[in-house]
Amino acid sequence: MSNLPLNSVEDRLYVLRTRWEQYVAEGRFEQFIEFAVAVNSLAEHFNRLRLSGLVRLCEGLENAALTRLGDSTTHPLGEQEVAALQRQLDTLLGSVSTSRPPAPERRTDEAPVAIADIDWIKPRSVWLVAPTEKREMADALARQLQYFGFSVCDTPWSGELPRGDMPLAVIFVPAGEDTRPAEFAFIGTVRAACPASQLFYLGARSAIDPIVALMRAGIDVSIPAEEQTATVLNRMLDLVQISEQEKYRVLVVEDSRVAVALIQRTLAEHGIDSHAIGDPATLLDALETYRPDLILMDMYMPHFNGVEATRVLRQMGDYAALPIVYLSGESDVGMQVEALRLGGDQFLIKPFNPVLLAAVVKTKIERFRETQRSTRLDGLTGLLNHTAAKSRLQTMVSQLPAHAALTVAMIDIDHFKAINDTYGHPVGDQVIRGLAWLLKGRLRSSDLIGRYGGEEFLIALPGVTPEQARQVIDRIRSDFAALPHAHPGGALYATFSSGIASYPLVNTAPALTEAADGALLQAKRLGRNRVERAILQ
C-alpha cells in the first residue's frame, strides 16, 4: 500500500490503521514515524476537502504523536501512552464513520458501479440557524443557496438538530452583535454532532477576542458584520467547487539509492509524484521532460555539487523561480547560509524527518503554483484574466481546422455602477462572481470563459454556430436575471447584455472581439438585458 498513490479517504484510513497496528504489535521507532506520517497525510487530505472538524481531530492526534516521537531509545511507548493514542485514534475513526453519508442500497440486478476513482461524496445540504428578527436576511440567503443547488434546512437557535445526513455546512446568524453564552453552547453542540461540516458565523465583530472565542466554540469561518452574506455565499460555493489539482511533481537529484527510496516512499504517502536522477549532469534533460514543481537537491554528488547546479538553474528564465530544497548531512550553519544565498529555498538535514519533508515540499509547491496561477487567473472569479483570455482566444483561432465554427461573445452586467453605489463593492463583487459561476456551470470545459475587465466577460464557444450560441447565452441571461444576490437588506437582482460574433465571417481573434463588443453596444442601445449578433457591413 505504501508504494501506491493514495486516491481516497479509505486508502488513507487503511494505511493509518495498518501503521498503528504494526507499531502496537512490534513497537519499532520507524513504525511510529510511519504512523505519524499517515496521520499527517490524512489531515492534509481532509484539509483539501475542507472537512474542518476532521482536520482538527487529525491535528490533535498528530500533535500527540509528535510529542511522543523522541528517538529509537524512547520506543516502544508505555501502555498508558499507547492507550491514550488509541483513544484519540478511535475518536477520529468514529467521527469519520459517522460523518460519511451511507452508501445507497443497490438492487441485485443492477450492474456494479466502479468506485475506485470516487472520493468523499459531500452532501449539498446546509443548516441555517437564524433568529426570528433576522428572518428576512436569512430567507434571502436561503433562496440564493437553493438557486445554486443547496438544500437548506432552517434550524432555530438551541433547537433540536435535524435528522439525517450531516450537512456540508452550518450557517449561524446571531441575534445581536455579541454572542451570548447560550449561543456558544449551541455552537459547541453542533460542532460535536457535525465534525466534518464547515461552520460559518455571520456578523462577527472585527476584533480578535470575539473571533478567537468563536473558534474555540467550533466556528471555522467568522464573517464580519460589514461583509455578511456577500462573503458567505462565496465560501459556500467554494466548498463544492473543489477539484483535485494536478499531482504535485518533485524531481529528486540524489545519488544514494537508499535515500531516493526513502524520499519517494514519503512523497508517495502524501500523494506526491516524483522522479529521481542520480547524475546532476542529466538535470536539464530531466527538467525539460518531467516539468517538476520542486527540486530536492543533494548537496554533494558526482561531477559538481548541488549549489553549483542551483546557480546554473537560477541563470535560466524557465527555472529562475522553481523551488529548490537542499538535502544534506552538512551541519555547518555557515555552509547552509551560503547555499541558501546562492539560490536555494530551504535546507533540510539528513536524516530528515518524513513529516517535515512532506510539509516543506507541499508548502513550497503550493506557493509556487499560486504564484504561477496569479499571473493568469482573475482573483475574484477564478476565471482567466484579461491577458490570459486574449491569449487563449488567439490560440483557439490559430488552431481551428478548415471550415470550423467558433462563436465569441462579450457580456456586460447592466447598470453595474449603480449596484456598487447603492449596495457597496462587496455586494457588487458577489454579483460578478454569481455570473462567473453561472457561466462555468452552464458552459463546457472546452469553452473559453474569461473576465475581460470590471463587470465584462469574454467567452468563446468552439464548434457552435451563432444561432446556437445566441440560444445558450440567452438562457444564461434569463437564469442570471432570476438569480437573487443576498445582502443585509434582503436581495437584489441584476441583468446582463451580450453581443456575439462568429468565425469564419470574422477571421482573427482581435476582429472577433471587436465585432462582439460592437454587438454588445447595440444590445445596450436597444434597452439592455438582451443578446445581439454582430451585423457585418
Protein backbone atom coordinates (compact mmCIF):
# COMPACT_ATOMS: atom_id res chain seq x y z
CA MET A 1 0.00 0.00 0.00
CA SER A 2 2.83 2.43 0.83
CA ASN A 3 4.11 2.36 -2.74
CA LEU A 4 0.73 3.12 -4.31
CA PRO A 5 -0.82 6.54 -4.79
CA LEU A 6 -3.49 7.26 -2.18
CA ASN A 7 -6.64 8.07 -4.12
CA SER A 8 -9.30 8.15 -1.44
CA VAL A 9 -10.15 8.57 2.20
CA GLU A 10 -10.45 4.79 2.51
CA ASP A 11 -6.88 4.32 1.28
CA ARG A 12 -5.54 6.72 3.90
CA LEU A 13 -7.63 5.21 6.68
CA TYR A 14 -6.33 1.75 5.76
CA VAL A 15 -2.74 2.97 5.87
CA LEU A 16 -3.33 4.75 9.19
CA ARG A 17 -4.87 1.71 10.88
CA THR A 18 -2.22 -0.63 9.49
CA ARG A 19 0.69 1.57 10.60
CA TRP A 20 -0.74 1.83 14.11
CA GLU A 21 -1.44 -1.90 14.41
CA GLN A 22 2.11 -2.69 13.26
CA TYR A 23 3.57 -0.33 15.84
CA VAL A 24 1.42 -1.68 18.68
CA ALA A 25 2.48 -5.22 17.76
CA GLU A 26 6.23 -4.57 17.31
CA GLY A 27 6.95 -1.16 18.87
CA ARG A 28 9.73 -0.09 16.48
CA PHE A 29 10.65 3.61 16.16
CA GLU A 30 10.49 3.51 12.33
CA GLN A 31 6.92 2.21 12.51
CA PHE A 32 5.93 5.08 14.81
CA ILE A 33 7.35 7.58 12.29
CA GLU A 34 5.29 5.94 9.54
CA PHE A 35 2.19 6.19 11.75
CA ALA A 36 2.81 9.93 12.26
CA VAL A 37 3.27 10.39 8.51
CA ALA A 38 -0.03 8.57 7.87
CA VAL A 39 -1.87 10.88 10.31
CA ASN A 40 -0.36 13.93 8.60
CA SER A 41 -1.36 12.61 5.17
CA LEU A 42 -4.97 12.11 6.29
CA ALA A 43 -5.07 15.61 7.81
CA GLU A 44 -3.79 17.13 4.57
CA HIS A 45 -6.42 15.23 2.58
CA PHE A 46 -9.27 16.37 4.83
CA ASN A 47 -7.89 19.91 4.63
CA ARG A 48 -8.06 19.83 0.81
CA LEU A 49 -11.66 18.65 1.11
CA ARG A 50 -12.29 21.41 3.70
CA LEU A 51 -13.64 18.97 6.26
CA SER A 52 -12.52 21.19 9.11
CA GLY A 53 -13.84 19.14 12.03
CA LEU A 54 -11.94 16.07 10.88
CA VAL A 55 -8.84 18.16 10.23
CA ARG A 56 -9.00 19.32 13.85
CA LEU A 57 -9.18 15.73 15.14
CA CYS A 58 -6.29 14.64 12.87
CA GLU A 59 -4.14 17.53 14.03
CA GLY A 60 -4.82 16.67 17.66
CA LEU A 61 -3.71 13.08 17.06
CA GLU A 62 -0.70 14.23 15.06
CA ASN A 63 0.43 16.62 17.80
CA ALA A 64 0.05 13.89 20.39
CA ALA A 65 2.16 11.55 18.26
CA LEU A 66 4.87 14.14 17.62
CA THR A 67 5.24 14.91 21.33
CA ARG A 68 5.99 11.21 21.84
CA LEU A 69 8.24 10.86 18.77
CA GLY A 70 11.57 11.10 20.58
CA ASP A 71 14.10 8.69 19.12
CA SER A 72 14.73 4.95 18.98
CA THR A 73 15.61 4.86 22.70
CA THR A 74 12.13 6.05 23.75
CA HIS A 75 10.26 3.26 21.96
CA PRO A 76 8.20 1.22 22.39
CA LEU A 77 5.91 3.57 24.32
CA GLY A 78 4.45 2.56 27.65
CA GLU A 79 1.00 1.04 27.97
CA GLN A 80 -0.62 4.26 29.20
CA GLU A 81 0.76 6.32 26.29
CA VAL A 82 -0.33 3.69 23.76
CA ALA A 83 -3.81 3.63 25.34
CA ALA A 84 -4.06 7.45 25.18
CA LEU A 85 -3.15 7.48 21.49
CA GLN A 86 -5.57 4.61 20.86
CA ARG A 87 -8.42 6.63 22.38
CA GLN A 88 -7.65 9.61 20.11
CA LEU A 89 -7.42 7.32 17.08
CA ASP A 90 -10.74 5.66 17.94
CA THR A 91 -12.40 9.09 18.28
CA LEU A 92 -11.08 10.11 14.85
CA LEU A 93 -12.16 6.89 13.14
CA GLY A 94 -15.58 7.08 14.78
CA SER A 95 -16.09 10.66 13.59
CA VAL A 96 -15.09 9.71 10.06
CA SER A 97 -17.56 6.83 10.08
CA THR A 98 -20.49 8.91 11.33
CA SER A 99 -19.71 11.88 9.08
CA ARG A 100 -19.85 9.99 5.80
CA PRO A 101 -23.24 9.55 4.14
CA PRO A 102 -24.34 5.90 3.99
CA ALA A 103 -23.86 4.12 0.70
CA PRO A 104 -27.14 3.73 -1.17
CA GLU A 105 -28.53 0.21 -1.40
CA ARG A 106 -28.23 -1.38 -4.81
CA ARG A 107 -30.60 -3.91 -6.28
CA THR A 108 -29.01 -7.26 -7.02
CA ASP A 109 -29.92 -7.00 -10.69
CA GLU A 110 -28.05 -3.71 -11.12
CA ALA A 111 -24.58 -3.69 -12.59
CA PRO A 112 -21.92 -2.73 -10.03
CA VAL A 113 -20.56 0.80 -10.36
CA ALA A 114 -16.80 1.28 -10.48
CA ILE A 115 -15.95 3.29 -7.38
CA ALA A 116 -12.15 3.25 -7.44
CA ASP A 117 -11.96 6.89 -8.50
CA ILE A 118 -14.81 8.17 -6.33
CA ASP A 119 -13.67 10.06 -3.27
CA TRP A 120 -15.54 11.71 -0.44
CA ILE A 121 -19.02 12.46 -1.76
CA LYS A 122 -20.05 15.54 0.14
CA PRO A 123 -23.71 16.36 0.79
CA ARG A 124 -25.17 19.61 -0.54
CA SER A 125 -27.38 20.21 2.49
CA VAL A 126 -26.96 23.34 4.64
CA TRP A 127 -28.37 24.10 8.08
CA LEU A 128 -29.28 27.75 8.53
CA VAL A 129 -29.53 28.81 12.19
CA ALA A 130 -31.19 32.24 12.46
CA PRO A 131 -33.34 34.16 14.96
CA THR A 132 -36.80 35.48 14.09
CA GLU A 133 -35.62 39.10 13.88
CA LYS A 134 -33.11 38.17 11.11
CA ARG A 135 -35.61 36.11 9.13
CA GLU A 136 -35.72 38.37 6.04
CA MET A 137 -31.97 38.29 5.54
CA ALA A 138 -31.86 34.55 6.23
CA ASP A 139 -34.64 33.87 3.74
CA ALA A 140 -32.82 35.84 1.03
CA LEU A 141 -29.64 33.86 1.69
CA ALA A 142 -31.60 30.59 1.63
CA ARG A 143 -33.16 31.43 -1.75
CA GLN A 144 -29.75 32.14 -3.23
CA LEU A 145 -28.27 28.94 -1.84
CA GLN A 146 -31.20 26.95 -3.24
CA TYR A 147 -30.68 28.53 -6.65
CA PHE A 148 -27.15 27.07 -6.74
CA GLY A 149 -28.37 23.61 -5.76
CA PHE A 150 -28.14 23.57 -1.95
CA SER A 151 -30.86 22.04 0.21
CA VAL A 152 -31.42 24.49 3.09
CA CYS A 153 -32.83 23.36 6.44
CA ASP A 154 -33.96 26.11 8.82
CA THR A 155 -32.90 25.39 12.41
CA PRO A 156 -33.75 27.55 15.44
CA TRP A 157 -31.12 28.56 17.95
CA SER A 158 -30.91 25.94 20.72
CA GLY A 159 -33.49 23.80 18.94
CA GLU A 160 -33.36 20.10 18.16
CA LEU A 161 -30.84 19.28 15.44
CA PRO A 162 -32.23 17.99 12.12
CA ARG A 163 -32.08 14.27 11.49
CA GLY A 164 -30.44 12.58 8.52
CA ASP A 165 -27.12 13.08 6.78
CA MET A 166 -24.61 15.54 8.15
CA PRO A 167 -24.70 18.90 6.33
CA LEU A 168 -21.93 20.28 4.16
CA ALA A 169 -22.09 23.47 6.24
CA VAL A 170 -23.93 25.15 9.11
CA ILE A 171 -24.50 28.91 8.94
CA PHE A 172 -25.14 30.74 12.23
CA VAL A 173 -26.86 34.14 12.18
CA PRO A 174 -26.76 35.63 15.72
CA ALA A 175 -29.50 37.74 17.25
CA GLY A 176 -27.19 40.54 18.38
CA GLU A 177 -23.70 41.92 17.99
CA ASP A 178 -22.28 39.94 20.93
CA THR A 179 -22.52 36.17 21.11
CA ARG A 180 -24.48 35.03 24.16
CA PRO A 181 -23.44 32.09 26.40
CA ALA A 182 -26.39 30.02 25.20
CA GLU A 183 -25.32 30.60 21.58
CA PHE A 184 -21.76 29.48 22.37
CA ALA A 185 -23.18 26.33 23.94
CA PHE A 186 -25.35 25.57 20.91
CA ILE A 187 -22.40 26.09 18.55
CA GLY A 188 -20.45 23.56 20.62
CA THR A 189 -23.32 21.09 20.39
CA VAL A 190 -23.46 21.42 16.59
CA ARG A 191 -19.67 21.12 16.34
CA ALA A 192 -19.71 17.87 18.27
CA ALA A 193 -22.60 16.48 16.18
CA CYS A 194 -21.12 17.58 12.81
CA PRO A 195 -17.34 17.06 12.94
CA ALA A 196 -16.93 17.12 9.15
CA SER A 197 -19.13 20.16 8.47
CA GLN A 198 -17.90 23.70 7.85
CA LEU A 199 -19.32 26.10 10.46
CA PHE A 200 -19.88 29.74 9.46
CA TYR A 201 -20.78 32.62 11.76
CA LEU A 202 -22.28 35.74 10.19
CA GLY A 203 -21.95 39.07 11.90
CA ALA A 204 -18.77 38.66 13.94
CA ARG A 205 -17.20 41.84 15.29
CA SER A 206 -13.89 42.68 13.60
CA ALA A 207 -11.79 42.12 16.72
CA ILE A 208 -9.51 39.28 17.75
CA ASP A 209 -11.09 38.34 21.09
CA PRO A 210 -14.63 37.56 19.88
CA ILE A 211 -13.35 35.69 16.81
CA VAL A 212 -10.99 33.56 18.95
CA ALA A 213 -13.91 32.78 21.28
CA LEU A 214 -15.98 31.63 18.29
CA MET A 215 -13.11 29.48 17.03
CA ARG A 216 -12.81 27.83 20.42
CA ALA A 217 -16.51 27.05 20.34
CA GLY A 218 -16.10 25.34 16.98
CA ILE A 219 -16.61 28.02 14.29
CA ASP A 220 -14.41 27.63 11.21
CA VAL A 221 -15.15 30.90 9.41
CA SER A 222 -16.18 34.14 11.13
CA ILE A 223 -17.56 36.68 8.68
CA PRO A 224 -17.56 40.32 9.84
CA ALA A 225 -20.85 42.16 10.08
CA GLU A 226 -19.93 44.54 7.28
CA GLU A 227 -19.44 41.67 4.81
CA GLN A 228 -22.15 39.18 5.82
CA THR A 229 -23.91 37.35 3.00
CA ALA A 230 -21.79 38.80 0.22
CA THR A 231 -18.94 36.65 1.55
CA VAL A 232 -20.67 33.59 2.96
CA LEU A 233 -22.09 32.54 -0.41
CA ASN A 234 -18.62 32.81 -1.96
CA ARG A 235 -17.23 30.48 0.67
CA MET A 236 -20.15 28.08 0.41
CA LEU A 237 -19.78 27.72 -3.34
CA ASP A 238 -16.04 27.26 -2.96
CA LEU A 239 -16.74 24.21 -0.78
CA VAL A 240 -18.48 22.33 -3.58
CA GLN A 241 -16.25 23.58 -6.38
CA ILE A 242 -13.15 21.84 -5.06
CA SER A 243 -11.45 19.94 -7.84
CA GLU A 244 -8.43 17.71 -7.43
CA GLN A 245 -5.39 19.53 -8.66
CA GLU A 246 -2.85 18.03 -10.96
CA LYS A 247 -0.49 15.95 -8.84
CA TYR A 248 2.49 17.71 -7.31
CA ARG A 249 5.71 16.71 -9.09
CA VAL A 250 9.10 16.58 -7.38
CA LEU A 251 12.44 15.93 -9.10
CA VAL A 252 14.83 14.18 -6.71
CA VAL A 253 18.51 14.80 -7.53
CA GLU A 254 20.27 12.28 -5.28
CA ASP A 255 22.98 9.68 -5.90
CA SER A 256 22.14 7.47 -2.91
CA ARG A 257 19.64 4.75 -3.86
CA VAL A 258 18.69 4.24 -0.20
CA ALA A 259 17.94 7.96 0.25
CA VAL A 260 15.95 8.02 -3.01
CA ALA A 261 13.81 5.07 -1.88
CA LEU A 262 13.00 6.73 1.46
CA ILE A 263 12.24 10.10 -0.15
CA GLN A 264 9.99 8.63 -2.82
CA ARG A 265 8.11 6.49 -0.31
CA THR A 266 7.48 9.54 1.89
CA LEU A 267 6.27 11.62 -1.05
CA ALA A 268 4.04 8.82 -2.37
CA GLU A 269 2.30 8.51 1.00
CA HIS A 270 1.31 12.16 0.62
CA GLY A 271 0.05 11.74 -2.94
CA ILE A 272 3.10 13.47 -4.46
CA ASP A 273 4.59 12.17 -7.71
CA SER A 274 8.37 12.05 -8.02
CA HIS A 275 11.13 11.27 -10.46
CA ALA A 276 14.74 10.61 -9.40
CA ILE A 277 18.06 11.09 -11.17
CA GLY A 278 21.45 10.15 -9.75
CA ASP A 279 23.64 12.20 -12.06
CA PRO A 280 23.22 16.00 -11.99
CA ALA A 281 24.68 16.16 -15.50
CA THR A 282 21.25 14.98 -16.75
CA LEU A 283 19.41 17.66 -14.76
CA LEU A 284 18.40 19.90 -17.66
CA ASP A 285 17.05 17.00 -19.70
CA ALA A 286 15.01 15.79 -16.70
CA LEU A 287 13.61 19.27 -16.12
CA GLU A 288 12.57 19.58 -19.75
CA THR A 289 10.75 16.25 -19.88
CA TYR A 290 9.37 15.97 -16.32
CA ARG A 291 8.49 19.65 -15.63
CA PRO A 292 8.59 19.41 -11.81
CA ASP A 293 7.10 21.83 -9.27
CA LEU A 294 10.13 21.49 -6.99
CA ILE A 295 13.64 20.01 -6.87
CA LEU A 296 15.00 18.10 -3.88
CA MET A 297 18.74 18.59 -4.38
CA ASP A 298 21.51 16.64 -2.67
CA MET A 299 24.41 18.90 -1.74
CA TYR A 300 27.26 16.54 -2.69
CA MET A 301 27.15 14.49 -5.88
CA PRO A 302 29.48 13.36 -8.68
CA HIS A 303 30.74 15.99 -11.19
CA PHE A 304 29.51 19.06 -9.27
CA ASN A 305 27.60 19.88 -6.11
CA GLY A 306 24.01 20.97 -5.57
CA VAL A 307 24.89 24.64 -5.07
CA GLU A 308 26.67 24.77 -8.45
CA ALA A 309 23.68 23.11 -10.14
CA THR A 310 21.33 25.61 -8.48
CA ARG A 311 23.42 28.59 -9.62
CA VAL A 312 23.16 27.33 -13.20
CA LEU A 313 19.37 27.00 -12.98
CA ARG A 314 18.95 30.47 -11.48
CA GLN A 315 20.50 31.91 -14.66
CA MET A 316 17.78 30.33 -16.82
CA GLY A 317 14.47 32.14 -17.13
CA ASP A 318 12.38 28.96 -17.12
CA TYR A 319 13.80 27.80 -13.79
CA ALA A 320 14.65 31.06 -12.03
CA ALA A 321 11.70 30.75 -9.63
CA LEU A 322 11.50 26.94 -9.36
CA PRO A 323 11.69 25.94 -5.64
CA ILE A 324 14.89 24.10 -4.71
CA VAL A 325 15.25 22.37 -1.34
CA TYR A 326 18.67 21.06 -0.33
CA LEU A 327 19.07 17.68 1.37
CA SER A 328 22.42 17.12 3.02
CA GLY A 329 24.27 15.83 6.04
CA GLU A 330 26.06 19.19 6.14
CA SER A 331 25.58 20.62 9.64
CA ASP A 332 27.80 23.69 9.32
CA VAL A 333 25.47 26.70 9.63
CA GLY A 334 27.76 28.93 7.59
CA MET A 335 27.69 26.45 4.71
CA GLN A 336 23.90 26.23 4.89
CA VAL A 337 23.53 30.01 4.80
CA GLU A 338 25.87 30.25 1.81
CA ALA A 339 23.91 27.55 -0.02
CA LEU A 340 20.66 29.46 0.53
CA ARG A 341 22.27 32.75 -0.51
CA LEU A 342 23.30 31.19 -3.81
CA GLY A 343 19.79 30.21 -4.84
CA GLY A 344 18.27 27.56 -2.59
CA ASP A 345 14.92 27.93 -0.84
CA GLN A 346 15.38 25.69 2.19
CA PHE A 347 17.90 23.34 3.78
CA LEU A 348 16.96 20.00 5.37
CA ILE A 349 19.48 17.94 7.32
CA LYS A 350 19.87 14.19 6.71
CA PRO A 351 18.50 12.02 8.18
CA PHE A 352 15.34 14.05 7.62
CA ASN A 353 12.02 13.84 9.45
CA PRO A 354 9.49 12.46 6.91
CA VAL A 355 6.67 14.62 8.28
CA LEU A 356 8.82 17.76 7.98
CA LEU A 357 9.99 16.81 4.48
CA ALA A 358 6.42 16.34 3.21
CA ALA A 359 5.26 19.58 4.86
CA VAL A 360 8.13 21.61 3.35
CA VAL A 361 7.58 20.14 -0.11
CA LYS A 362 3.82 20.77 -0.12
CA THR A 363 4.13 24.31 1.25
CA LYS A 364 6.77 25.31 -1.29
CA ILE A 365 4.82 23.80 -4.20
CA GLU A 366 1.54 25.40 -3.13
CA ARG A 367 3.15 28.84 -3.03
CA PHE A 368 4.91 28.25 -6.34
CA ARG A 369 1.69 27.16 -8.06
CA GLU A 370 -0.25 30.03 -6.53
CA THR A 371 2.32 32.45 -7.95
CA GLN A 372 2.02 30.80 -11.35
CA ARG A 373 -1.78 30.94 -11.23
CA SER A 374 -1.88 34.55 -10.13
CA THR A 375 -0.37 35.64 -13.42
CA ARG A 376 -3.21 34.03 -15.41
CA LEU A 377 -6.32 33.93 -13.24
CA ASP A 378 -8.62 36.65 -12.03
CA GLY A 379 -8.53 36.78 -8.24
CA LEU A 380 -12.24 37.42 -7.73
CA THR A 381 -13.77 34.84 -10.06
CA GLY A 382 -11.02 32.30 -10.72
CA LEU A 383 -11.58 32.79 -14.46
CA LEU A 384 -8.84 33.64 -16.94
CA ASN A 385 -7.84 37.28 -16.63
CA HIS A 386 -7.83 39.81 -19.49
CA THR A 387 -4.37 38.96 -20.82
CA ALA A 388 -4.78 35.19 -20.49
CA ALA A 389 -8.24 35.24 -22.11
CA LYS A 390 -6.97 37.18 -25.12
CA SER A 391 -4.02 34.80 -25.46
CA ARG A 392 -6.28 31.75 -25.23
CA LEU A 393 -8.63 33.14 -27.87
CA GLN A 394 -5.68 33.80 -30.17
CA THR A 395 -4.57 30.18 -29.75
CA MET A 396 -8.08 28.83 -30.35
CA VAL A 397 -8.44 30.78 -33.60
CA SER A 398 -4.99 29.80 -34.85
CA GLN A 399 -5.70 26.11 -34.27
CA LEU A 400 -9.14 25.98 -35.87
CA PRO A 401 -9.43 23.41 -38.65
CA ALA A 402 -10.75 24.49 -42.03
CA HIS A 403 -14.46 25.37 -42.13
CA ALA A 404 -14.76 25.04 -38.33
CA ALA A 405 -17.17 27.20 -36.34
CA LEU A 406 -16.29 29.41 -33.39
CA THR A 407 -18.53 31.99 -31.75
CA VAL A 408 -17.24 34.72 -29.46
CA ALA A 409 -19.41 36.68 -27.02
CA MET A 410 -18.84 39.78 -24.93
CA ILE A 411 -21.04 40.05 -21.80
CA ASP A 412 -21.52 43.13 -19.63
CA ILE A 413 -23.58 43.43 -16.42
CA ASP A 414 -26.21 46.15 -16.79
CA HIS A 415 -26.09 49.27 -14.59
CA PHE A 416 -23.25 47.81 -12.55
CA LYS A 417 -22.04 51.18 -11.25
CA ALA A 418 -25.45 51.75 -9.69
CA ILE A 419 -25.18 48.39 -7.89
CA ASN A 420 -21.82 49.36 -6.39
CA ASP A 421 -23.01 52.83 -5.46
CA THR A 422 -26.21 51.57 -3.83
CA TYR A 423 -25.14 48.33 -2.12
CA GLY A 424 -21.35 48.62 -1.85
CA HIS A 425 -18.46 46.89 -3.56
CA PRO A 426 -18.68 43.56 -1.62
CA VAL A 427 -22.20 43.05 -2.98
CA GLY A 428 -21.03 44.16 -6.43
CA ASP A 429 -18.27 41.57 -6.25
CA GLN A 430 -20.87 38.94 -5.36
CA VAL A 431 -22.90 39.83 -8.46
CA ILE A 432 -19.78 39.40 -10.61
CA ARG A 433 -19.00 36.05 -9.02
CA GLY A 434 -22.60 34.93 -9.40
CA LEU A 435 -22.38 35.46 -13.15
CA ALA A 436 -18.97 33.77 -13.28
CA TRP A 437 -20.39 30.68 -11.53
CA LEU A 438 -23.34 30.55 -13.91
CA LEU A 439 -21.03 30.71 -16.90
CA LYS A 440 -18.83 27.93 -15.51
CA GLY A 441 -21.87 25.83 -14.66
CA ARG A 442 -23.66 26.24 -18.00
CA LEU A 443 -20.72 26.11 -20.43
CA ARG A 444 -18.40 23.28 -21.40
CA SER A 445 -14.85 22.68 -20.16
CA SER A 446 -13.63 23.23 -23.74
CA ASP A 447 -15.15 26.73 -23.86
CA LEU A 448 -13.15 29.85 -23.08
CA ILE A 449 -14.51 31.89 -20.14
CA GLY A 450 -12.58 34.97 -19.08
CA ARG A 451 -13.14 38.08 -17.02
CA TYR A 452 -12.26 40.74 -19.56
CA GLY A 453 -12.31 43.60 -17.09
CA GLY A 454 -14.58 45.01 -14.38
CA GLU A 455 -18.06 43.63 -14.99
CA GLU A 456 -17.28 42.45 -18.54
CA PHE A 457 -16.70 38.83 -19.62
CA LEU A 458 -15.34 37.20 -22.78
CA ILE A 459 -16.43 33.72 -23.83
CA ALA A 460 -15.62 31.63 -26.89
CA LEU A 461 -17.58 28.56 -27.96
CA PRO A 462 -15.78 26.25 -30.44
CA GLY A 463 -17.95 24.22 -32.82
CA VAL A 464 -21.01 26.38 -32.10
CA THR A 465 -22.94 28.38 -34.70
CA PRO A 466 -24.06 31.97 -34.00
CA GLU A 467 -27.69 30.91 -33.57
CA GLN A 468 -26.77 28.09 -31.20
CA ALA A 469 -24.59 30.49 -29.21
CA ARG A 470 -27.36 33.05 -29.03
CA GLN A 471 -29.74 30.45 -27.56
CA VAL A 472 -27.19 29.27 -25.00
CA ILE A 473 -26.27 32.79 -23.88
CA ASP A 474 -29.89 33.92 -23.82
CA ARG A 475 -30.76 31.03 -21.49
CA ILE A 476 -27.88 32.06 -19.18
CA ARG A 477 -29.13 35.65 -19.38
CA SER A 478 -32.58 34.53 -18.26
CA ASP A 479 -31.14 32.46 -15.39
CA PHE A 480 -28.94 35.33 -14.25
CA ALA A 481 -31.89 37.73 -14.21
CA ALA A 482 -33.68 35.36 -11.81
CA LEU A 483 -30.69 34.90 -9.50
CA PRO A 484 -31.11 36.66 -6.12
CA HIS A 485 -27.97 38.33 -4.77
CA ALA A 486 -28.25 38.41 -0.98
CA HIS A 487 -27.25 41.45 1.07
CA PRO A 488 -28.03 42.59 4.63
CA GLY A 489 -31.23 44.33 3.49
CA GLY A 490 -32.63 41.39 1.52
CA ALA A 491 -31.88 40.50 -2.12
CA LEU A 492 -31.26 42.33 -5.39
CA TYR A 493 -31.47 41.19 -9.00
CA ALA A 494 -29.25 42.10 -11.94
CA THR A 495 -29.24 41.56 -15.70
CA PHE A 496 -26.62 41.49 -18.45
CA SER A 497 -26.34 42.39 -22.12
CA SER A 498 -24.31 40.44 -24.69
CA GLY A 499 -23.01 40.72 -28.22
CA ILE A 500 -21.78 37.80 -30.34
CA ALA A 501 -19.65 37.41 -33.46
CA SER A 502 -18.55 34.27 -35.28
CA TYR A 503 -15.70 32.74 -37.23
CA PRO A 504 -15.13 32.46 -40.21
CA LEU A 505 -17.25 35.55 -41.01
CA VAL A 506 -14.71 37.34 -38.82
CA ASN A 507 -11.38 35.53 -39.10
CA THR A 508 -8.98 36.91 -36.48
CA ALA A 509 -9.11 36.96 -32.69
CA PRO A 510 -8.89 40.78 -32.36
CA ALA A 511 -11.57 41.27 -35.02
CA LEU A 512 -13.89 38.75 -33.32
CA THR A 513 -13.54 40.58 -30.00
CA GLU A 514 -14.14 43.95 -31.65
CA ALA A 515 -17.20 42.72 -33.56
CA ALA A 516 -18.71 41.11 -30.45
CA ASP A 517 -18.08 44.31 -28.50
CA GLY A 518 -19.87 46.30 -31.19
CA ALA A 519 -22.86 43.97 -30.94
CA LEU A 520 -22.78 44.41 -27.15
CA LEU A 521 -23.04 48.19 -27.55
CA GLN A 522 -26.01 47.66 -29.85
CA ALA A 523 -27.70 45.48 -27.20
CA LYS A 524 -27.28 48.30 -24.68
CA ARG A 525 -28.68 50.87 -27.11
CA LEU A 526 -31.74 48.66 -27.63
CA GLY A 527 -32.58 48.64 -23.92
CA ARG A 528 -30.15 46.16 -22.29
CA ASN A 529 -30.90 42.66 -20.89
CA ARG A 530 -30.69 41.12 -24.36
CA VAL A 531 -28.33 39.30 -26.77
CA GLU A 532 -27.46 40.79 -30.18
CA ARG A 533 -25.49 39.37 -33.11
CA ALA A 534 -22.85 41.39 -34.92
CA ILE A 535 -24.05 42.88 -38.21
CA LEU A 536 -21.22 42.94 -40.72
CA GLN A 537 -21.18 45.51 -43.49
